[in-house]
Amino acid sequence: MRGVIRLFDRLFRFFGRLIFTPILLGWMIGAVLFGAMIGFIIGGVVAMTVFGPPLGHSAWEWVIIAPPVFIGAVFGFQYWRKTSGADAFFGLTGDSHGSARFANRKELKKLQGKDGLLIGRNPHTGRLLRYDGPAHLITLAPTRAGKGVGTVIPNLLAAERSVLVIDPKGENARIAGEARRRFGTTHVLDPFEVSGMPSAAYNPLDRLTPDSLDLGEDAASLTEALVMDPPGQVSEAHWNEEAKAILGGLIMFCVCHEDRDRRCLATVREYLTLPPEKLRALLELMQDSDAAGGLIARAANRFLGKADREAASVLSNAQRHTHFLDSPRIAKVTSRSDFRFSDLRHRITSVFLVLPPNRMDAYSRWLRLLVSQALQDIARDAEVSGSGQSGPVERLKAPALFLLDEFAALGRLEAVERAMGLMAGYGLQLWPILQDMSQLKDLYGARAGTFIANAGVQQVFGVNDFETAKWLSQMIGQETTGFQTDSYKPGDNPSFSNNVTGRDLLTPDEIMQMPPELQLLRVQGQPSALAQKLRYYADPEFKGLFVPQDQ
């Protein structure tokens, strides 16, 4: 219905211009001639005063007459512009109130390249739109709006590059797993076996070595992922920091003093749940350790130096944050490593992290842990490769893509925030997918702007809340538009006034009423665009690439 209204509006404007353009042009010619005539009269009076009659016998008289004629014509033209509303009629009102507009056909065609990530479909040509820049991307869309069918799965089917994807239901692995295997190695980490595929495993402690100068830093990055800081709860900060300190010490002790097959997070959890007398004996062993540059002993000293009540609270907090490690399923998929995340930089590798939505609350720390370690491994590998310490190592040209569906489930993760601002040059592209802006603001507060500022593409559809719609409307900006006001008094002729004003290119209610098949795209350096969403199961470009699923 809305499309029909727009069509009639365009037809009305076209025929309006067709009819009124000759009238306006005739009005303009009359105004210019009238102004020139007034100028001629004034110039003629001056010339006769100087040279005397008759007028026109001397070239010098025309030198005096010509300027008033020209000035009169200009004033006539300007009078016509003001009174006729021609600027508004012909769309020449300028951008005094705002220059926002939608991308035109030519600008949309620039996104129809052969390479890059799929972001939509051109509504004019029906061609796929792609983004081939180095910047990160972000998607805002509520549940059941089509994030999977229109964003995640199309890129899994088509992107010939390394990918890490959070796959809450295992659907992505089932639908696109075969396509990913055609590109390269595929690993599905699925502790709860919802994808129907054998689960791979990854042990975060495998890459830590006792003689590494970075052991303390690596242990700290693990504790950052294990301990979730609730947003806005300042009272928890002290206990969380102390929990990180003792966890870091226990992780380093495990790496430096346990046998190879015991170096895993299940062993660290075992330490934390020892009886009090055995835990104290362990801490005393840690005090005597000179490994890790003395950091293990320092962690033990820090804990044992606390009063009994404070120490008990810190220990309880550390136990709370590692409770998920008691699950035999989680222990199994963290007991060994079938791959390294640094592989994503050197050969096409696909990693699916599968965790059912009903288990997100209890086990989201496992997701945090793996995403954090992936970012850490890629950054470390980039540093080593860049320094030349490992010799010439082949690296993929296309950056590894992190499709972070259900991004809010990860909680506030410093590693992701740093990656959004600093790691685009490390051969990495992040694509967080959220339900609305409030999720991002709740997690990162004022620093949520980091994600928006560093996103080369902002993809939004299915907006259903006013706050997100209002934010998006302000981001898109205002256009300058003209309007005419009529006034009438009994006994007088009607008077007309033409004005310009600013109007939101899309108001919040217009955004919330967008048809379900459309999406808003904001590509860096280009006007906002209205594009069609993709549907992998119906679009011909993906035919034969995916494994059909029973509906």
Protein backbone atom coordinates (compact mmCIF):
# COMPACT_ATOMS: atom_id res chain seq x y z
CA MET A 1 0.00 0.00 0.00
CA ARG A 2 2.80 2.37 0.91
CA GLY A 3 4.54 1.63 -2.41
CA VAL A 4 1.35 2.52 -4.32
CA ILE A 5 1.07 5.80 -2.43
CA ARG A 6 4.68 6.65 -3.28
CA LEU A 7 4.04 5.83 -6.95
CA PHE A 8 1.02 8.16 -7.08
CA ASP A 9 3.04 10.84 -5.29
CA ARG A 10 5.78 10.62 -7.92
CA LEU A 11 3.25 10.73 -10.77
CA PHE A 12 1.56 13.76 -9.22
CA ARG A 13 4.89 15.56 -8.94
CA PHE A 14 5.83 14.69 -12.52
CA PHE A 15 2.60 16.00 -14.05
CA GLY A 16 2.70 18.98 -11.70
CA ARG A 17 6.09 19.97 -13.08
CA LEU A 18 4.92 19.29 -16.63
CA ILE A 19 1.98 21.70 -16.23
CA PHE A 20 3.44 24.39 -14.01
CA THR A 21 6.96 24.65 -15.43
CA PRO A 22 5.83 26.73 -18.50
CA ILE A 23 3.76 28.96 -16.20
CA LEU A 24 6.69 29.54 -13.85
CA LEU A 25 9.08 30.21 -16.76
CA GLY A 26 6.65 32.69 -18.29
CA TRP A 27 6.33 34.38 -14.89
CA MET A 28 10.14 34.55 -14.69
CA ILE A 29 10.48 36.15 -18.15
CA GLY A 30 7.83 38.74 -17.27
CA ALA A 31 9.52 39.58 -13.95
CA VAL A 32 12.95 39.93 -15.59
CA LEU A 33 11.58 42.13 -18.40
CA PHE A 34 9.66 44.29 -15.94
CA GLY A 35 12.78 44.79 -13.81
CA ALA A 36 14.82 45.63 -16.91
CA MET A 37 12.17 48.13 -18.02
CA ILE A 38 12.26 49.90 -14.63
CA GLY A 39 16.06 50.00 -14.90
CA PHE A 40 15.81 51.42 -18.42
CA ILE A 41 13.49 54.22 -17.26
CA ILE A 42 15.77 55.15 -14.36
CA GLY A 43 18.89 54.99 -16.55
CA GLY A 44 17.16 57.03 -19.30
CA VAL A 45 16.19 59.78 -16.85
CA VAL A 46 19.78 59.97 -15.60
CA ALA A 47 21.19 59.98 -19.18
CA MET A 48 18.85 62.80 -20.28
CA THR A 49 19.80 64.77 -17.19
CA VAL A 50 23.48 64.48 -18.09
CA PHE A 51 23.38 64.74 -21.88
CA GLY A 52 19.95 66.22 -22.51
CA PRO A 53 17.31 64.97 -24.94
CA PRO A 54 16.87 63.25 -27.33
CA LEU A 55 17.78 59.89 -25.73
CA GLY A 56 19.90 57.27 -27.51
CA HIS A 57 21.97 59.46 -29.87
CA SER A 58 25.21 58.87 -27.93
CA ALA A 59 27.02 55.66 -26.98
CA TRP A 60 27.88 57.24 -23.63
CA GLU A 61 24.19 57.42 -22.82
CA TRP A 62 23.99 53.62 -23.12
CA VAL A 63 26.96 53.26 -20.81
CA ILE A 64 24.82 55.01 -18.18
CA ILE A 65 21.63 53.12 -19.06
CA ALA A 66 23.04 49.54 -19.25
CA PRO A 67 23.91 49.03 -15.52
CA PRO A 68 20.41 49.98 -14.24
CA VAL A 69 18.86 47.68 -16.87
CA PHE A 70 21.03 44.76 -15.70
CA ILE A 71 20.41 45.47 -12.02
CA GLY A 72 16.68 45.74 -12.64
CA ALA A 73 16.66 42.37 -14.44
CA VAL A 74 18.52 40.74 -11.53
CA PHE A 75 16.10 42.21 -8.99
CA GLY A 76 13.19 41.00 -11.12
CA PHE A 77 14.63 37.50 -11.17
CA GLN A 78 15.18 37.45 -7.41
CA TYR A 79 11.66 38.78 -6.81
CA TRP A 80 10.32 35.96 -8.97
CA ARG A 81 12.31 33.36 -6.98
CA LYS A 82 10.96 34.63 -3.66
CA THR A 83 7.34 35.02 -4.64
CA SER A 84 6.91 32.04 -6.95
CA GLY A 85 8.42 29.32 -4.72
CA ALA A 86 10.44 28.11 -7.71
CA ASP A 87 13.36 26.92 -5.58
CA ALA A 88 11.14 24.55 -3.65
CA PHE A 89 9.24 23.52 -6.81
CA PHE A 90 12.42 22.59 -8.71
CA GLY A 91 14.19 21.15 -5.65
CA LEU A 92 16.75 23.96 -5.48
CA THR A 93 16.23 24.88 -1.84
CA GLY A 94 19.82 24.00 -0.89
CA ASP A 95 20.73 22.23 2.32
CA SER A 96 20.45 25.01 4.87
CA HIS A 97 18.47 22.74 7.21
CA GLY A 98 20.23 19.46 6.40
CA SER A 99 21.69 17.54 3.47
CA ALA A 100 20.58 13.98 4.29
CA ARG A 101 19.30 11.88 1.41
CA PHE A 102 19.06 8.29 0.27
CA ALA A 103 21.74 6.77 -1.91
CA ASN A 104 20.89 7.03 -5.59
CA ARG A 105 21.18 4.33 -8.24
CA LYS A 106 24.75 5.27 -9.12
CA GLU A 107 25.88 5.12 -5.51
CA LEU A 108 24.20 1.77 -4.91
CA LYS A 109 25.90 0.33 -8.00
CA LYS A 110 29.26 0.98 -6.33
CA LEU A 111 28.33 -1.73 -3.83
CA GLN A 112 27.66 -4.33 -6.53
CA GLY A 113 31.22 -5.62 -6.59
CA LYS A 114 32.25 -9.22 -7.08
CA ASP A 115 34.09 -9.50 -3.76
CA GLY A 116 33.23 -8.59 -0.21
CA LEU A 117 30.70 -9.43 2.47
CA LEU A 118 27.03 -9.64 1.52
CA ILE A 119 24.95 -6.84 3.04
CA GLY A 120 21.73 -6.83 0.97
CA ARG A 121 20.21 -6.53 -2.49
CA ASN A 122 19.86 -3.48 -4.75
CA PRO A 123 16.10 -2.79 -5.03
CA HIS A 124 16.60 -1.15 -8.45
CA THR A 125 18.73 -3.77 -10.21
CA GLY A 126 18.18 -6.89 -8.09
CA ARG A 127 21.96 -7.34 -7.78
CA LEU A 128 23.70 -8.36 -4.55
CA LEU A 129 25.27 -5.58 -2.50
CA ARG A 130 28.69 -6.22 -0.98
CA TYR A 131 31.10 -4.44 1.33
CA ASP A 132 34.77 -4.99 0.50
CA GLY A 133 36.31 -2.49 2.92
CA PRO A 134 38.53 -3.32 5.91
CA ALA A 135 36.28 -1.84 8.64
CA HIS A 136 34.05 -3.81 10.99
CA LEU A 137 30.26 -4.21 10.57
CA ILE A 138 27.32 -4.17 12.97
CA THR A 139 23.72 -5.39 12.69
CA LEU A 140 20.73 -4.35 14.80
CA ALA A 141 17.61 -6.48 14.43
CA PRO A 142 15.18 -8.04 16.94
CA THR A 143 14.53 -11.73 17.39
CA ARG A 144 12.92 -13.50 14.41
CA ALA A 145 13.56 -10.53 12.11
CA GLY A 146 15.75 -12.56 9.74
CA LYS A 147 19.32 -12.08 10.98
CA GLY A 148 20.19 -15.69 10.25
CA VAL A 149 18.52 -16.07 6.86
CA GLY A 150 19.55 -12.61 5.64
CA THR A 151 22.96 -11.92 7.18
CA VAL A 152 24.68 -14.89 8.82
CA ILE A 153 23.93 -17.82 6.50
CA PRO A 154 24.35 -15.95 3.16
CA ASN A 155 27.88 -14.95 4.19
CA LEU A 156 28.69 -18.43 5.44
CA LEU A 157 27.61 -19.80 2.05
CA ALA A 158 29.49 -17.24 -0.03
CA ALA A 159 32.46 -15.82 1.92
CA GLU A 160 35.65 -17.55 0.81
CA ARG A 161 37.58 -16.57 3.91
CA SER A 162 38.13 -17.77 7.47
CA VAL A 163 35.08 -17.45 9.70
CA LEU A 164 34.28 -17.79 13.40
CA VAL A 165 30.54 -17.79 14.05
CA ILE A 166 28.44 -18.00 17.19
CA ASP A 167 25.73 -20.50 16.31
CA PRO A 168 23.14 -20.58 19.13
CA LYS A 169 20.97 -23.41 17.78
CA GLY A 170 23.44 -25.29 15.61
CA GLU A 171 21.38 -24.35 12.53
CA ASN A 172 24.22 -22.52 10.82
CA ALA A 173 26.47 -25.57 11.08
CA ARG A 174 23.76 -27.86 9.70
CA ILE A 175 22.78 -25.54 6.84
CA ALA A 176 26.15 -24.09 5.81
CA GLY A 177 28.62 -26.64 7.19
CA GLU A 178 28.97 -28.45 3.87
CA ALA A 179 29.58 -25.17 2.02
CA ARG A 180 32.25 -24.18 4.56
CA ARG A 181 34.00 -27.55 4.13
CA ARG A 182 34.34 -26.78 0.42
CA PHE A 183 36.36 -23.71 1.35
CA GLY A 184 38.58 -25.34 3.97
CA THR A 185 38.80 -27.00 7.38
CA THR A 186 35.72 -26.81 9.61
CA HIS A 187 35.50 -27.23 13.39
CA VAL A 188 32.18 -27.42 15.24
CA LEU A 189 32.46 -26.90 19.00
CA ASP A 190 29.17 -28.24 20.29
CA PRO A 191 29.33 -29.47 23.90
CA PHE A 192 25.58 -30.12 24.10
CA GLU A 193 25.37 -31.92 20.72
CA VAL A 194 22.51 -29.89 19.24
CA SER A 195 24.02 -29.62 15.75
CA GLY A 196 24.05 -33.38 15.20
CA MET A 197 27.78 -33.26 14.41
CA PRO A 198 30.76 -34.56 16.41
CA SER A 199 32.15 -31.79 18.59
CA ALA A 200 35.70 -30.53 18.28
CA ALA A 201 37.57 -29.33 21.37
CA TYR A 202 39.76 -26.38 22.33
CA ASN A 203 41.84 -26.10 25.50
CA PRO A 204 42.64 -22.45 26.28
CA LEU A 205 45.64 -23.50 28.41
CA ASP A 206 47.33 -25.38 25.55
CA ARG A 207 48.96 -22.28 24.12
CA LEU A 208 50.41 -21.21 27.49
CA THR A 209 53.98 -22.36 28.14
CA PRO A 210 55.91 -22.26 31.43
CA ASP A 211 58.92 -20.46 29.97
CA SER A 212 56.92 -17.74 28.16
CA LEU A 213 57.58 -14.14 29.16
CA ASP A 214 53.90 -13.48 28.38
CA LEU A 215 52.53 -16.15 30.74
CA GLY A 216 51.21 -13.59 33.23
CA GLU A 217 49.49 -11.59 30.49
CA ASP A 218 48.00 -14.73 28.92
CA ALA A 219 46.64 -15.89 32.28
CA ALA A 220 45.16 -12.43 32.89
CA SER A 221 43.34 -12.52 29.54
CA LEU A 222 41.80 -15.84 30.55
CA THR A 223 40.60 -14.44 33.88
CA GLU A 224 39.08 -11.42 32.11
CA ALA A 225 36.92 -13.80 30.09
CA LEU A 226 36.05 -16.03 33.04
CA VAL A 227 35.02 -13.23 35.43
CA MET A 228 32.06 -11.23 34.14
CA ASP A 229 31.73 -7.71 35.49
CA PRO A 230 28.01 -6.86 35.60
CA PRO A 231 27.44 -3.40 34.05
CA GLY A 232 26.79 -0.69 36.60
CA GLN A 233 27.58 -2.84 39.66
CA VAL A 234 30.55 -0.97 41.09
CA SER A 235 30.22 -2.81 44.41
CA GLU A 236 31.33 -6.04 42.69
CA ALA A 237 34.51 -4.54 41.23
CA HIS A 238 36.78 -5.28 44.22
CA TRP A 239 35.66 -8.88 44.61
CA ASN A 240 35.95 -9.52 40.88
CA GLU A 241 39.48 -8.08 40.73
CA GLU A 242 40.58 -10.23 43.66
CA ALA A 243 38.94 -13.29 42.08
CA LYS A 244 40.89 -12.59 38.87
CA ALA A 245 44.13 -12.37 40.88
CA ILE A 246 43.79 -15.77 42.54
CA LEU A 247 42.49 -17.38 39.34
CA GLY A 248 45.48 -16.04 37.42
CA GLY A 249 47.85 -17.50 39.99
CA LEU A 250 46.16 -20.90 39.89
CA ILE A 251 46.22 -20.94 36.06
CA MET A 252 49.96 -20.18 36.02
CA PHE A 253 50.62 -22.85 38.68
CA CYS A 254 48.69 -25.40 36.60
CA VAL A 255 50.69 -24.56 33.46
CA CYS A 256 54.08 -24.62 35.22
CA HIS A 257 53.72 -27.57 37.59
CA GLU A 258 51.13 -30.01 36.20
CA ASP A 259 51.70 -32.82 33.71
CA ARG A 260 50.74 -32.08 30.12
CA ASP A 261 47.46 -34.01 30.24
CA ARG A 262 46.42 -32.15 33.41
CA ARG A 263 46.91 -28.63 32.04
CA CYS A 264 43.29 -27.61 31.55
CA LEU A 265 40.63 -25.46 33.18
CA ALA A 266 39.05 -28.51 34.84
CA THR A 267 42.22 -28.80 36.94
CA VAL A 268 41.99 -25.12 37.92
CA ARG A 269 38.38 -25.71 38.97
CA GLU A 270 39.58 -28.70 40.99
CA TYR A 271 42.02 -26.42 42.84
CA LEU A 272 39.25 -23.98 43.74
CA THR A 273 37.02 -26.69 45.21
CA LEU A 274 39.66 -28.41 47.37
CA PRO A 275 38.91 -28.85 51.09
CA PRO A 276 40.24 -25.90 53.15
CA GLU A 277 43.32 -27.71 54.48
CA LYS A 278 44.34 -29.02 51.03
CA LEU A 279 43.73 -25.61 49.43
CA ARG A 280 45.99 -24.00 52.02
CA ALA A 281 48.67 -26.59 51.31
CA LEU A 282 48.38 -25.79 47.61
CA LEU A 283 48.74 -22.07 48.30
CA GLU A 284 51.85 -22.73 50.37
CA LEU A 285 53.31 -24.69 47.44
CA MET A 286 52.55 -21.68 45.25
CA GLN A 287 54.41 -19.43 47.72
CA ASP A 288 57.51 -21.59 47.29
CA SER A 289 57.30 -21.52 43.46
CA ASP A 290 59.78 -19.37 41.54
CA ALA A 291 58.13 -20.09 38.16
CA ALA A 292 56.52 -17.42 35.97
CA GLY A 293 58.99 -14.82 37.25
CA GLY A 294 57.61 -15.09 40.77
CA LEU A 295 54.05 -14.19 39.75
CA ILE A 296 52.66 -17.45 41.16
CA ALA A 297 54.15 -16.76 44.58
CA ARG A 298 52.86 -13.19 44.52
CA ALA A 299 49.31 -14.34 43.78
CA ALA A 300 49.44 -16.77 46.72
CA ASN A 301 50.90 -14.12 49.04
CA ARG A 302 48.17 -11.68 48.02
CA PHE A 303 45.44 -14.18 48.87
CA LEU A 304 46.95 -15.52 52.11
CA GLY A 305 47.55 -11.97 53.35
CA LYS A 306 43.80 -11.31 53.53
CA ALA A 307 41.64 -11.65 56.61
CA ASP A 308 39.69 -14.91 56.80
CA ARG A 309 36.33 -13.33 55.95
CA GLU A 310 37.69 -11.42 52.96
CA ALA A 311 39.59 -14.47 51.71
CA ALA A 312 36.45 -16.59 51.99
CA SER A 313 34.48 -14.02 49.97
CA VAL A 314 37.15 -13.84 47.26
CA LEU A 315 37.29 -17.63 47.02
CA SER A 316 33.50 -17.85 46.84
CA ASN A 317 33.48 -15.31 44.03
CA ALA A 318 36.14 -17.21 42.08
CA GLN A 319 34.15 -20.41 42.53
CA ARG A 320 30.96 -18.70 41.31
CA HIS A 321 32.60 -17.51 38.09
CA THR A 322 34.04 -20.96 37.30
CA HIS A 323 31.00 -23.04 38.25
CA PHE A 324 30.29 -23.82 34.58
CA LEU A 325 33.50 -25.89 34.46
CA ASP A 326 31.82 -28.55 36.61
CA SER A 327 29.83 -29.64 33.56
CA PRO A 328 31.33 -32.87 32.12
CA ARG A 329 30.40 -31.61 28.65
CA ILE A 330 32.34 -28.36 29.08
CA ALA A 331 35.24 -30.24 30.68
CA LYS A 332 35.35 -32.54 27.63
CA VAL A 333 35.49 -29.76 25.02
CA THR A 334 38.17 -27.88 27.00
CA SER A 335 40.39 -30.92 27.69
CA ARG A 336 42.37 -30.81 24.43
CA SER A 337 42.89 -28.66 21.32
CA ASP A 338 42.01 -29.91 17.84
CA PHE A 339 43.12 -26.63 16.23
CA ARG A 340 44.58 -23.19 16.93
CA PHE A 341 42.71 -19.96 16.41
CA SER A 342 45.78 -18.50 14.71
CA ASP A 343 45.02 -20.92 11.84
CA LEU A 344 42.29 -18.48 10.78
CA ARG A 345 45.00 -16.08 9.55
CA HIS A 346 46.90 -18.61 7.44
CA ARG A 347 44.40 -20.93 5.79
CA ILE A 348 40.65 -20.87 5.32
CA THR A 349 39.23 -22.27 8.54
CA SER A 350 35.66 -22.20 9.85
CA VAL A 351 34.82 -22.43 13.56
CA PHE A 352 31.23 -22.84 14.78
CA LEU A 353 30.60 -22.14 18.47
CA VAL A 354 27.31 -23.85 19.28
CA LEU A 355 25.49 -23.10 22.53
CA PRO A 356 21.69 -23.46 22.84
CA PRO A 357 19.81 -20.31 23.96
CA ASN A 358 18.38 -22.07 27.03
CA ARG A 359 21.95 -22.68 28.26
CA MET A 360 23.30 -19.21 27.54
CA ASP A 361 22.90 -17.93 31.11
CA ALA A 362 24.79 -20.83 32.64
CA TYR A 363 27.51 -21.33 30.03
CA SER A 364 28.00 -17.98 28.27
CA ARG A 365 31.43 -17.78 29.95
CA TRP A 366 32.54 -20.63 27.69
CA LEU A 367 31.64 -18.49 24.66
CA ARG A 368 33.39 -15.46 26.19
CA LEU A 369 36.46 -17.57 26.81
CA LEU A 370 36.72 -18.85 23.25
CA VAL A 371 36.03 -15.49 21.59
CA SER A 372 38.56 -13.81 23.86
CA GLN A 373 41.19 -16.47 23.14
CA ALA A 374 40.54 -16.25 19.40
CA LEU A 375 41.16 -12.51 19.45
CA GLN A 376 44.26 -12.96 21.63
CA ASP A 377 45.70 -15.70 19.40
CA ILE A 378 45.15 -13.71 16.20
CA ALA A 379 46.69 -10.55 17.70
CA ARG A 380 49.69 -12.48 19.02
CA ASP A 381 50.17 -14.25 15.69
CA ALA A 382 50.02 -10.91 13.86
CA GLU A 383 52.66 -9.46 16.19
CA VAL A 384 55.00 -12.42 15.70
CA SER A 385 54.49 -12.46 11.91
CA GLY A 386 55.00 -8.69 11.71
CA SER A 387 58.25 -8.83 13.67
CA GLY A 388 59.68 -11.52 11.39
CA GLN A 389 60.54 -13.81 14.34
CA SER A 390 58.80 -16.79 12.75
CA GLY A 391 60.25 -16.24 9.28
CA PRO A 392 58.16 -15.79 6.13
CA VAL A 393 54.67 -17.16 6.87
CA GLU A 394 51.90 -17.15 4.29
CA ARG A 395 48.86 -15.16 5.37
CA LEU A 396 45.39 -14.97 3.86
CA LYS A 397 44.62 -11.72 2.06
CA ALA A 398 40.98 -11.63 3.15
CA PRO A 399 40.56 -10.88 6.87
CA ALA A 400 39.04 -13.48 9.18
CA LEU A 401 35.37 -12.75 9.85
CA PHE A 402 33.89 -13.04 13.35
CA LEU A 403 30.09 -13.31 13.04
CA LEU A 404 29.08 -12.66 16.64
CA ASP A 405 25.38 -13.56 16.77
CA GLU A 406 23.69 -13.05 20.17
CA PHE A 407 26.52 -10.64 20.92
CA ALA A 408 24.90 -9.43 24.16
CA ALA A 409 25.22 -12.94 25.63
CA LEU A 410 29.00 -12.44 25.79
CA GLY A 411 28.58 -9.67 28.34
CA ARG A 412 31.05 -6.81 28.48
CA LEU A 413 34.28 -8.13 27.00
CA GLU A 414 37.30 -5.82 26.94
CA ALA A 415 38.98 -7.91 24.23
CA VAL A 416 36.11 -7.26 21.81
CA GLU A 417 36.05 -3.53 22.57
CA ARG A 418 39.79 -3.29 21.91
CA ALA A 419 39.42 -5.31 18.73
CA MET A 420 36.71 -2.96 17.39
CA GLY A 421 39.05 -0.01 17.81
CA LEU A 422 42.47 -1.46 17.05
CA MET A 423 42.46 -4.82 15.30
CA ALA A 424 41.11 -4.06 11.83
CA GLY A 425 44.74 -3.97 10.67
CA TYR A 426 45.45 -7.43 12.11
CA GLY A 427 43.53 -9.26 9.41
CA LEU A 428 40.30 -9.40 11.38
CA GLN A 429 36.74 -8.14 10.84
CA LEU A 430 34.16 -8.21 13.61
CA TRP A 431 30.45 -8.34 12.88
CA PRO A 432 28.49 -8.03 16.17
CA ILE A 433 24.78 -8.79 15.83
CA LEU A 434 22.45 -7.29 18.46
CA GLN A 435 18.72 -6.92 18.97
CA ASP A 436 18.74 -3.15 19.61
CA MET A 437 20.90 -0.24 20.71
CA SER A 438 19.89 -0.59 24.36
CA GLN A 439 21.76 -3.91 24.54
CA LEU A 440 24.97 -2.24 23.41
CA LYS A 441 24.52 0.72 25.76
CA ASP A 442 23.71 -1.52 28.73
CA LEU A 443 26.95 -3.45 28.19
CA TYR A 444 29.38 -0.68 27.26
CA GLY A 445 27.69 2.51 28.46
CA ALA A 446 29.19 5.67 26.97
CA ARG A 447 31.79 3.57 25.15
CA ALA A 448 29.11 1.94 23.01
CA GLY A 449 29.96 4.66 20.49
CA THR A 450 33.24 2.82 19.81
CA PHE A 451 31.30 0.07 18.05
CA ILE A 452 29.30 2.51 15.92
CA ALA A 453 32.27 4.74 15.09
CA ASN A 454 34.38 1.82 13.87
CA ALA A 455 31.66 0.08 11.87
CA GLY A 456 32.06 0.63 8.13
CA VAL A 457 28.56 -0.81 7.65
CA GLN A 458 25.55 -0.43 9.93
CA GLN A 459 22.72 -2.76 8.95
CA VAL A 460 19.34 -2.25 10.62
CA PHE A 461 15.96 -3.89 10.01
CA GLY A 462 12.82 -4.93 11.84
CA VAL A 463 13.17 -2.09 14.38
CA ASN A 464 10.46 -2.48 16.97
CA ASP A 465 11.49 -0.17 19.82
CA PHE A 466 11.31 3.61 19.91
CA GLU A 467 14.77 4.23 21.40
CA THR A 468 16.56 2.44 18.57
CA ALA A 469 14.30 4.10 15.98
CA LYS A 470 14.95 7.55 17.49
CA TRP A 471 18.71 6.98 17.58
CA LEU A 472 18.70 5.77 13.98
CA SER A 473 16.58 8.71 12.81
CA GLN A 474 19.08 11.14 14.35
CA MET A 475 22.01 9.25 12.83
CA ILE A 476 20.53 9.41 9.34
CA GLY A 477 20.03 13.18 9.62
CA GLN A 478 17.68 15.79 8.17
CA GLU A 479 16.85 16.87 4.66
CA THR A 480 15.89 20.38 3.57
CA THR A 481 12.38 20.49 2.18
CA GLY A 482 10.06 23.24 0.95
CA PHE A 483 6.43 23.89 1.80
CA GLN A 484 3.79 26.46 0.91
CA THR A 485 1.39 28.20 3.28
CA ASP A 486 -1.88 29.82 2.11
CA SER A 487 -3.75 32.54 3.89
CA TYR A 488 -7.11 34.11 3.06
CA LYS A 489 -9.04 37.02 4.52
CA PRO A 490 -12.60 37.85 3.49
CA GLY A 491 -12.55 40.60 0.90
CA ASP A 492 -8.85 40.12 0.06
CA ASN A 493 -7.13 38.00 -2.53
CA PRO A 494 -5.48 34.77 -1.27
CA SER A 495 -1.80 35.13 -0.38
CA PHE A 496 0.84 32.41 -0.67
CA SER A 497 4.12 32.00 1.15
CA ASN A 498 6.87 29.51 0.27
CA ASN A 499 9.28 28.34 2.97
CA VAL A 500 11.99 25.76 3.60
CA THR A 501 12.48 23.69 6.73
CA GLY A 502 14.34 20.67 7.99
CA ARG A 503 12.71 17.24 8.25
CA ASP A 504 14.09 13.91 9.42
CA LEU A 505 14.88 11.84 6.36
CA LEU A 506 13.09 9.05 8.20
CA THR A 507 11.15 9.74 11.37
CA PRO A 508 11.13 7.12 14.18
CA ASP A 509 7.60 5.98 13.32
CA GLU A 510 8.52 5.62 9.63
CA ILE A 511 11.49 3.46 10.63
CA MET A 512 9.32 1.23 12.78
CA GLN A 513 6.79 0.89 9.94
CA MET A 514 9.32 -0.17 7.31
CA PRO A 515 8.19 -3.20 5.27
CA PRO A 516 9.74 -6.46 6.54
CA GLU A 517 11.57 -7.06 3.26
CA LEU A 518 13.52 -3.78 3.51
CA GLN A 519 16.56 -2.80 5.56
CA LEU A 520 18.53 0.37 6.21
CA LEU A 521 22.20 0.41 5.29
CA ARG A 522 24.65 3.05 6.41
CA VAL A 523 27.93 2.50 4.55
CA GLN A 524 30.85 4.66 5.61
CA GLY A 525 31.26 7.70 3.38
CA GLN A 526 27.96 7.21 1.53
CA PRO A 527 24.36 8.34 2.02
CA SER A 528 22.02 5.98 3.84
CA ALA A 529 20.40 3.40 1.59
CA LEU A 530 17.17 1.43 1.53
CA ALA A 531 17.98 -2.09 0.38
CA GLN A 532 16.25 -5.44 0.20
CA LYS A 533 17.07 -8.16 2.71
CA LEU A 534 18.50 -11.46 1.56
CA ARG A 535 16.75 -14.81 2.01
CA TYR A 536 19.20 -17.61 1.36
CA TYR A 537 16.47 -20.26 0.91
CA ALA A 538 14.63 -18.26 -1.78
CA ASP A 539 17.41 -16.31 -3.54
CA PRO A 540 18.74 -17.95 -6.74
CA GLU A 541 22.37 -17.06 -5.94
CA PHE A 542 22.42 -19.60 -3.08
CA LYS A 543 20.59 -22.43 -4.80
CA GLY A 544 22.41 -25.71 -4.30
CA LEU A 545 24.87 -24.27 -1.77
CA PHE A 546 23.06 -25.17 1.45
CA VAL A 547 21.60 -28.27 3.08
CA PRO A 548 17.78 -27.87 3.24
CA GLN A 549 16.23 -28.19 6.69
CA ASP A 550 12.82 -29.50 7.67
CA GLN A 551 10.58 -26.58 8.64
